């Protein structure tokens, strides 16, 4: 894959670099979170949410709406799926990492998406990015040996278990609170996960 930088003009339709907020404490705090050989996701981490940046993000970035800070850590090279939320996601890491992104506008009426439309972007260590609510994304990809520890900031409650059954049209792709998922058949997702990605399961090494 061609891997662009988040400073490239091409990134502007997917997100933006956040300026004016000090993420140094969060970056340091992430270094104490687990770093497995696969991928783990924790929606909300009390230690990270106790940092001063939590209040600053909630006030400035999310306009005083309740938020959560968790993390997605591990070692990964493939797309596997795409998801989106009703609300932006903020990411920052002590390591370089790569995001594979697409546009929700390119999802068809029957909730399929052609993976050849996705683009990959390198996010440098310590640089915080806002991934817009209209941007398709999933777990980060590894940009350097040793994997990644990426903060995931979202509206409070996102990615928690659902309370009700969901079926039909977009609703069938709701797999957790505020998480709509489009999986790839070769993505290794749990049985019964909603599919819809058409084309190659993208690999940043290829």
C-alpha atoms as a PDB file:
ATOM      1  CA  UNK A   1       0.000   0.000   0.000  1.00  0.00           C
ATOM      2  CA  UNK A   2       0.960   3.586  -0.485  1.00  0.00           C
ATOM      3  CA  UNK A   3       1.234   5.090   2.999  1.00  0.00           C
ATOM      4  CA  UNK A   4       0.723   8.843   3.118  1.00  0.00           C
ATOM      5  CA  UNK A   5       1.263  11.207   6.039  1.00  0.00           C
ATOM      6  CA  UNK A   6      -1.401  12.947   8.092  1.00  0.00           C
ATOM      7  CA  UNK A   7       0.234  16.210   7.029  1.00  0.00           C
ATOM      8  CA  UNK A   8      -0.709  15.438   3.409  1.00  0.00           C
ATOM      9  CA  UNK A   9      -3.648  17.261   1.860  1.00  0.00           C
ATOM     10  CA  UNK A  10      -5.328  13.879   1.269  1.00  0.00           C
ATOM     11  CA  UNK A  11      -5.899  13.462   5.014  1.00  0.00           C
ATOM     12  CA  UNK A  12      -8.062  16.563   5.329  1.00  0.00           C
ATOM     13  CA  UNK A  13     -11.268  14.812   4.260  1.00  0.00           C
ATOM     14  CA  UNK A  14     -10.779  12.154   6.934  1.00  0.00           C
ATOM     15  CA  UNK A  15      -9.592  14.167   9.927  1.00  0.00           C
ATOM     16  CA  UNK A  16      -7.255  16.803  11.272  1.00  0.00           C
ATOM     17  CA  UNK A  17      -4.200  17.229  13.473  1.00  0.00           C
ATOM     18  CA  UNK A  18      -5.207  18.602  16.884  1.00  0.00           C
ATOM     19  CA  UNK A  19      -3.287  21.625  18.103  1.00  0.00           C
ATOM     20  CA  UNK A  20      -3.525  23.628  21.317  1.00  0.00           C
ATOM     21  CA  UNK A  21      -3.971  20.645  23.674  1.00  0.00           C
ATOM     22  CA  UNK A  22      -1.101  19.104  25.643  1.00  0.00           C
ATOM     23  CA  UNK A  23      -1.130  15.331  25.065  1.00  0.00           C
ATOM     24  CA  UNK A  24       2.261  14.635  26.677  1.00  0.00           C
ATOM     25  CA  UNK A  25       0.780  13.180  29.868  1.00  0.00           C
ATOM     26  CA  UNK A  26      -1.534  10.887  27.921  1.00  0.00           C
ATOM     27  CA  UNK A  27       1.313   9.720  25.688  1.00  0.00           C
ATOM     28  CA  UNK A  28       3.389   8.913  28.767  1.00  0.00           C
ATOM     29  CA  UNK A  29       0.458   7.160  30.444  1.00  0.00           C
ATOM     30  CA  UNK A  30      -0.085   4.918  27.434  1.00  0.00           C
ATOM     31  CA  UNK A  31       3.377   3.442  27.927  1.00  0.00           C
ATOM     32  CA  UNK A  32       2.064   1.688  31.060  1.00  0.00           C
ATOM     33  CA  UNK A  33      -0.821  -0.012  29.230  1.00  0.00           C
ATOM     34  CA  UNK A  34      -0.502  -3.645  28.039  1.00  0.00           C
ATOM     35  CA  UNK A  35       1.143  -4.311  24.671  1.00  0.00           C
ATOM     36  CA  UNK A  36       0.205  -7.802  23.448  1.00  0.00           C
ATOM     37  CA  UNK A  37       1.264  -9.580  20.274  1.00  0.00           C
ATOM     38  CA  UNK A  38      -2.327  -9.484  18.970  1.00  0.00           C
ATOM     39  CA  UNK A  39      -4.761  -6.554  19.362  1.00  0.00           C
ATOM     40  CA  UNK A  40      -6.726  -5.540  22.457  1.00  0.00           C
ATOM     41  CA  UNK A  41      -9.229  -2.735  22.931  1.00  0.00           C
ATOM     42  CA  UNK A  42     -10.347  -1.188  26.229  1.00  0.00           C
ATOM     43  CA  UNK A  43     -13.083   1.473  25.841  1.00  0.00           C
ATOM     44  CA  UNK A  44     -12.455   3.247  29.146  1.00  0.00           C
ATOM     45  CA  UNK A  45      -9.355   3.269  31.365  1.00  0.00           C
ATOM     46  CA  UNK A  46      -9.565   4.934  34.783  1.00  0.00           C
ATOM     47  CA  UNK A  47      -5.870   5.821  34.918  1.00  0.00           C
ATOM     48  CA  UNK A  48      -5.942   7.586  31.551  1.00  0.00           C
ATOM     49  CA  UNK A  49      -9.183   9.355  32.406  1.00  0.00           C
ATOM     50  CA  UNK A  50      -7.600  10.697  35.616  1.00  0.00           C
ATOM     51  CA  UNK A  51      -5.069  12.694  33.580  1.00  0.00           C
ATOM     52  CA  UNK A  52      -5.549  16.486  33.140  1.00  0.00           C
ATOM     53  CA  UNK A  53      -6.042  16.100  29.374  1.00  0.00           C
ATOM     54  CA  UNK A  54      -9.371  14.331  30.002  1.00  0.00           C
ATOM     55  CA  UNK A  55     -11.082  17.529  31.167  1.00  0.00           C
ATOM     56  CA  UNK A  56      -9.413  19.564  28.443  1.00  0.00           C
ATOM     57  CA  UNK A  57     -10.559  17.184  25.703  1.00  0.00           C
ATOM     58  CA  UNK A  58     -14.066  16.998  27.109  1.00  0.00           C
ATOM     59  CA  UNK A  59     -14.314  20.788  27.248  1.00  0.00           C
ATOM     60  CA  UNK A  60     -12.543  21.833  24.046  1.00  0.00           C
ATOM     61  CA  UNK A  61     -12.647  18.920  21.611  1.00  0.00           C
ATOM     62  CA  UNK A  62     -16.081  17.532  22.482  1.00  0.00           C
ATOM     63  CA  UNK A  63     -17.833  20.767  23.445  1.00  0.00           C
ATOM     64  CA  UNK A  64     -18.501  19.696  27.061  1.00  0.00           C
ATOM     65  CA  UNK A  65     -20.137  16.400  26.098  1.00  0.00           C
ATOM     66  CA  UNK A  66     -19.163  13.357  28.238  1.00  0.00           C
ATOM     67  CA  UNK A  67     -16.229  11.350  26.855  1.00  0.00           C
ATOM     68  CA  UNK A  68     -14.160   8.277  27.588  1.00  0.00           C
ATOM     69  CA  UNK A  69     -10.474   7.530  27.073  1.00  0.00           C
ATOM     70  CA  UNK A  70      -9.405   3.980  26.370  1.00  0.00           C
ATOM     71  CA  UNK A  71      -6.784   2.350  24.201  1.00  0.00           C
ATOM     72  CA  UNK A  72      -6.204  -0.025  21.310  1.00  0.00           C
ATOM     73  CA  UNK A  73      -2.833  -1.763  21.594  1.00  0.00           C
ATOM     74  CA  UNK A  74      -1.006  -4.544  19.817  1.00  0.00           C
ATOM     75  CA  UNK A  75       0.535  -5.588  16.546  1.00  0.00           C
ATOM     76  CA  UNK A  76      -1.509  -5.557  13.329  1.00  0.00           C
ATOM     77  CA  UNK A  77      -0.926  -5.169   9.597  1.00  0.00           C
ATOM     78  CA  UNK A  78      -4.346  -5.772   8.006  1.00  0.00           C
ATOM     79  CA  UNK A  79      -7.591  -3.885   7.489  1.00  0.00           C
ATOM     80  CA  UNK A  80      -9.962  -6.731   8.603  1.00  0.00           C
ATOM     81  CA  UNK A  81     -13.005  -4.431   9.002  1.00  0.00           C
ATOM     82  CA  UNK A  82     -14.169  -0.829   9.014  1.00  0.00           C
ATOM     83  CA  UNK A  83     -16.386   0.932  11.526  1.00  0.00           C
ATOM     84  CA  UNK A  84     -17.838   4.367  12.200  1.00  0.00           C
ATOM     85  CA  UNK A  85     -19.436   6.261  15.083  1.00  0.00           C
ATOM     86  CA  UNK A  86     -21.800   9.174  15.607  1.00  0.00           C
ATOM     87  CA  UNK A  87     -19.010  11.407  16.855  1.00  0.00           C
ATOM     88  CA  UNK A  88     -15.320  11.984  16.200  1.00  0.00           C
ATOM     89  CA  UNK A  89     -12.534   9.793  17.570  1.00  0.00           C
ATOM     90  CA  UNK A  90      -9.209  11.148  18.854  1.00  0.00           C
ATOM     91  CA  UNK A  91      -6.023   9.068  18.565  1.00  0.00           C
ATOM     92  CA  UNK A  92      -2.488   9.632  19.859  1.00  0.00           C
ATOM     93  CA  UNK A  93       0.368   7.236  20.637  1.00  0.00           C
ATOM     94  CA  UNK A  94       3.937   7.074  21.953  1.00  0.00           C
ATOM     95  CA  UNK A  95       4.770   5.163  18.757  1.00  0.00           C
ATOM     96  CA  UNK A  96       4.307   5.866  15.071  1.00  0.00           C
ATOM     97  CA  UNK A  97       1.197   4.052  13.812  1.00  0.00           C
ATOM     98  CA  UNK A  98      -0.849   3.738  10.629  1.00  0.00           C
ATOM     99  CA  UNK A  99      -4.576   4.267  10.075  1.00  0.00           C
ATOM    100  CA  UNK A 100      -6.440   2.805   7.091  1.00  0.00           C
ATOM    101  CA  UNK A 101      -9.345   5.142   6.377  1.00  0.00           C
ATOM    102  CA  UNK A 102     -12.345   5.464   4.107  1.00  0.00           C
ATOM    103  CA  UNK A 103     -15.398   7.689   3.703  1.00  0.00           C
ATOM    104  CA  UNK A 104     -18.834   6.780   5.002  1.00  0.00           C
ATOM    105  CA  UNK A 105     -20.205   8.466   1.876  1.00  0.00           C
ATOM    106  CA  UNK A 106     -18.710   5.620  -0.188  1.00  0.00           C
ATOM    107  CA  UNK A 107     -20.731   2.949   1.645  1.00  0.00           C
ATOM    108  CA  UNK A 108     -23.467   1.713  -0.709  1.00  0.00           C
ATOM    109  CA  UNK A 109     -27.175   1.539   0.058  1.00  0.00           C
ATOM    110  CA  UNK A 110     -26.785  -2.173   0.816  1.00  0.00           C
ATOM    111  CA  UNK A 111     -23.898  -1.416   3.204  1.00  0.00           C
ATOM    112  CA  UNK A 112     -20.963  -2.628   1.174  1.00  0.00           C
ATOM    113  CA  UNK A 113     -17.662  -0.847   0.645  1.00  0.00           C
ATOM    114  CA  UNK A 114     -14.880  -1.454  -1.887  1.00  0.00           C
ATOM    115  CA  UNK A 115     -11.580  -1.699  -0.043  1.00  0.00           C
ATOM    116  CA  UNK A 116      -9.635  -0.293  -2.998  1.00  0.00           C
ATOM    117  CA  UNK A 117     -11.072   3.118  -2.065  1.00  0.00           C
ATOM    118  CA  UNK A 118      -9.381   3.129   1.364  1.00  0.00           C
ATOM    119  CA  UNK A 119      -6.182   5.083   2.051  1.00  0.00           C
ATOM    120  CA  UNK A 120      -3.419   4.575   4.642  1.00  0.00           C
ATOM    121  CA  UNK A 121      -1.847   7.370   6.708  1.00  0.00           C
ATOM    122  CA  UNK A 122       1.141   7.435   9.031  1.00  0.00           C
ATOM    123  CA  UNK A 123       0.543   9.189  12.355  1.00  0.00           C
ATOM    124  CA  UNK A 124       3.863  10.160  14.004  1.00  0.00           C
ATOM    125  CA  UNK A 125       4.482   9.465  17.698  1.00  0.00           C
ATOM    126  CA  UNK A 126       3.019  12.181  19.915  1.00  0.00           C
ATOM    127  CA  UNK A 127       0.829  13.688  17.178  1.00  0.00           C
ATOM    128  CA  UNK A 128      -2.878  13.677  18.056  1.00  0.00           C
ATOM    129  CA  UNK A 129      -5.465  13.387  15.301  1.00  0.00           C
ATOM    130  CA  UNK A 130      -9.220  13.763  15.195  1.00  0.00           C
ATOM    131  CA  UNK A 131     -10.834  11.124  12.973  1.00  0.00           C
ATOM    132  CA  UNK A 132     -14.117  12.604  11.786  1.00  0.00           C
ATOM    133  CA  UNK A 133     -17.428  10.857  12.476  1.00  0.00           C
ATOM    134  CA  UNK A 134     -17.880  10.424   8.708  1.00  0.00           C
ATOM    135  CA  UNK A 135     -14.599   8.494   8.425  1.00  0.00           C
ATOM    136  CA  UNK A 136     -14.442   4.710   8.263  1.00  0.00           C
ATOM    137  CA  UNK A 137     -11.637   3.265  10.375  1.00  0.00           C
ATOM    138  CA  UNK A 138     -10.692   0.251  12.478  1.00  0.00           C
ATOM    139  CA  UNK A 139      -7.764  -0.985  14.560  1.00  0.00           C
ATOM    140  CA  UNK A 140      -4.452   0.820  13.907  1.00  0.00           C
ATOM    141  CA  UNK A 141      -1.649  -0.858  11.997  1.00  0.00           C
ATOM    142  CA  UNK A 142       1.953  -1.273  13.065  1.00  0.00           C
ATOM    143  CA  UNK A 143       4.438   1.286  11.739  1.00  0.00           C
ATOM    144  CA  UNK A 144       7.509   0.214  13.720  1.00  0.00           C
ATOM    145  CA  UNK A 145       8.818  -2.935  15.345  1.00  0.00           C
ATOM    146  CA  UNK A 146       7.184  -3.603  18.704  1.00  0.00           C
ATOM    147  CA  UNK A 147       3.622  -2.622  17.849  1.00  0.00           C
ATOM    148  CA  UNK A 148       1.487   0.331  18.985  1.00  0.00           C
ATOM    149  CA  UNK A 149      -0.275   1.760  22.051  1.00  0.00           C
ATOM    150  CA  UNK A 150      -2.956   4.117  20.750  1.00  0.00           C
ATOM    151  CA  UNK A 151      -5.319   6.208  22.868  1.00  0.00           C
ATOM    152  CA  UNK A 152      -8.943   6.041  21.720  1.00  0.00           C
ATOM    153  CA  UNK A 153     -11.091   8.986  22.826  1.00  0.00           C
ATOM    154  CA  UNK A 154     -14.801   8.768  22.022  1.00  0.00           C
ATOM    155  CA  UNK A 155     -18.199   9.952  23.274  1.00  0.00           C
ATOM    156  CA  UNK A 156     -18.959   8.218  26.577  1.00  0.00           C
ATOM    157  CA  UNK A 157     -20.558   4.793  26.218  1.00  0.00           C
ATOM    158  CA  UNK A 158     -19.240   4.087  22.729  1.00  0.00           C
ATOM    159  CA  UNK A 159     -18.301   0.442  22.077  1.00  0.00           C
ATOM    160  CA  UNK A 160     -20.051  -0.851  25.201  1.00  0.00           C
ATOM    161  CA  UNK A 161     -22.395  -3.866  24.872  1.00  0.00           C
ATOM    162  CA  UNK A 162     -25.808  -3.301  23.309  1.00  0.00           C
ATOM    163  CA  UNK A 163     -29.009  -3.418  25.366  1.00  0.00           C
ATOM    164  CA  UNK A 164     -31.360  -4.404  22.526  1.00  0.00           C
ATOM    165  CA  UNK A 165     -31.517  -6.586  19.426  1.00  0.00           C
ATOM    166  CA  UNK A 166     -30.773  -4.877  16.124  1.00  0.00           C
ATOM    167  CA  UNK A 167     -31.608  -6.045  12.606  1.00  0.00           C
ATOM    168  CA  UNK A 168     -32.194  -4.713   9.110  1.00  0.00           C
ATOM    169  CA  UNK A 169     -30.431  -2.127   6.954  1.00  0.00           C
ATOM    170  CA  UNK A 170     -27.830  -0.061   8.857  1.00  0.00           C
ATOM    171  CA  UNK A 171     -29.176  -1.318  12.174  1.00  0.00           C
ATOM    172  CA  UNK A 172     -27.884  -4.802  11.335  1.00  0.00           C
ATOM    173  CA  UNK A 173     -24.337  -3.412  11.406  1.00  0.00           C
ATOM    174  CA  UNK A 174     -24.604  -2.052  14.949  1.00  0.00           C
ATOM    175  CA  UNK A 175     -22.351  -4.392  16.949  1.00  0.00           C
ATOM    176  CA  UNK A 176     -21.839  -2.252  20.078  1.00  0.00           C
ATOM    177  CA  UNK A 177     -23.174   1.061  21.314  1.00  0.00           C
ATOM    178  CA  UNK A 178     -22.421   3.751  18.733  1.00  0.00           C
ATOM    179  CA  UNK A 179     -20.379   1.293  16.635  1.00  0.00           C
ATOM    180  CA  UNK A 180     -21.467   0.338  13.118  1.00  0.00           C
ATOM    181  CA  UNK A 181     -19.239  -2.384  11.656  1.00  0.00           C
ATOM    182  CA  UNK A 182     -18.591  -3.572   8.099  1.00  0.00           C
ATOM    183  CA  UNK A 183     -16.440  -6.678   8.184  1.00  0.00           C
ATOM    184  CA  UNK A 184     -14.225  -8.477   5.684  1.00  0.00           C
ATOM    185  CA  UNK A 185     -14.760 -12.230   5.187  1.00  0.00           C
ATOM    186  CA  UNK A 186     -11.034 -12.784   5.768  1.00  0.00           C
ATOM    187  CA  UNK A 187     -10.843 -10.398   8.729  1.00  0.00           C
ATOM    188  CA  UNK A 188     -10.988 -12.995  11.485  1.00  0.00           C
ATOM    189  CA  UNK A 189     -14.092 -11.477  13.064  1.00  0.00           C
ATOM    190  CA  UNK A 190     -16.422 -13.336  15.402  1.00  0.00           C
ATOM    191  CA  UNK A 191     -18.989 -15.625  13.796  1.00  0.00           C
ATOM    192  CA  UNK A 192     -22.109 -13.699  12.839  1.00  0.00           C
ATOM    193  CA  UNK A 193     -20.342 -10.353  12.469  1.00  0.00           C
ATOM    194  CA  UNK A 194     -21.863  -8.170   9.719  1.00  0.00           C
ATOM    195  CA  UNK A 195     -19.885  -8.338   6.480  1.00  0.00           C
ATOM    196  CA  UNK A 196     -19.744  -5.937   3.543  1.00  0.00           C
ATOM    197  CA  UNK A 197     -16.143  -5.168   2.600  1.00  0.00           C
ATOM    198  CA  UNK A 198     -15.562  -6.087  -1.038  1.00  0.00           C
ATOM    199  CA  UNK A 199     -12.097  -6.669  -2.454  1.00  0.00           C
ATOM    200  CA  UNK A 200      -8.748  -7.393  -0.880  1.00  0.00           C
ATOM    201  CA  UNK A 201      -8.269  -7.452   2.874  1.00  0.00           C
ATOM    202  CA  UNK A 202      -5.674  -4.684   2.712  1.00  0.00           C
ATOM    203  CA  UNK A 203      -2.224  -5.340   4.183  1.00  0.00           C
ATOM    204  CA  UNK A 204       0.121  -2.380   4.743  1.00  0.00           C
ATOM    205  CA  UNK A 205       3.133  -4.625   4.008  1.00  0.00           C
ATOM    206  CA  UNK A 206       2.000  -5.153   0.406  1.00  0.00           C
END
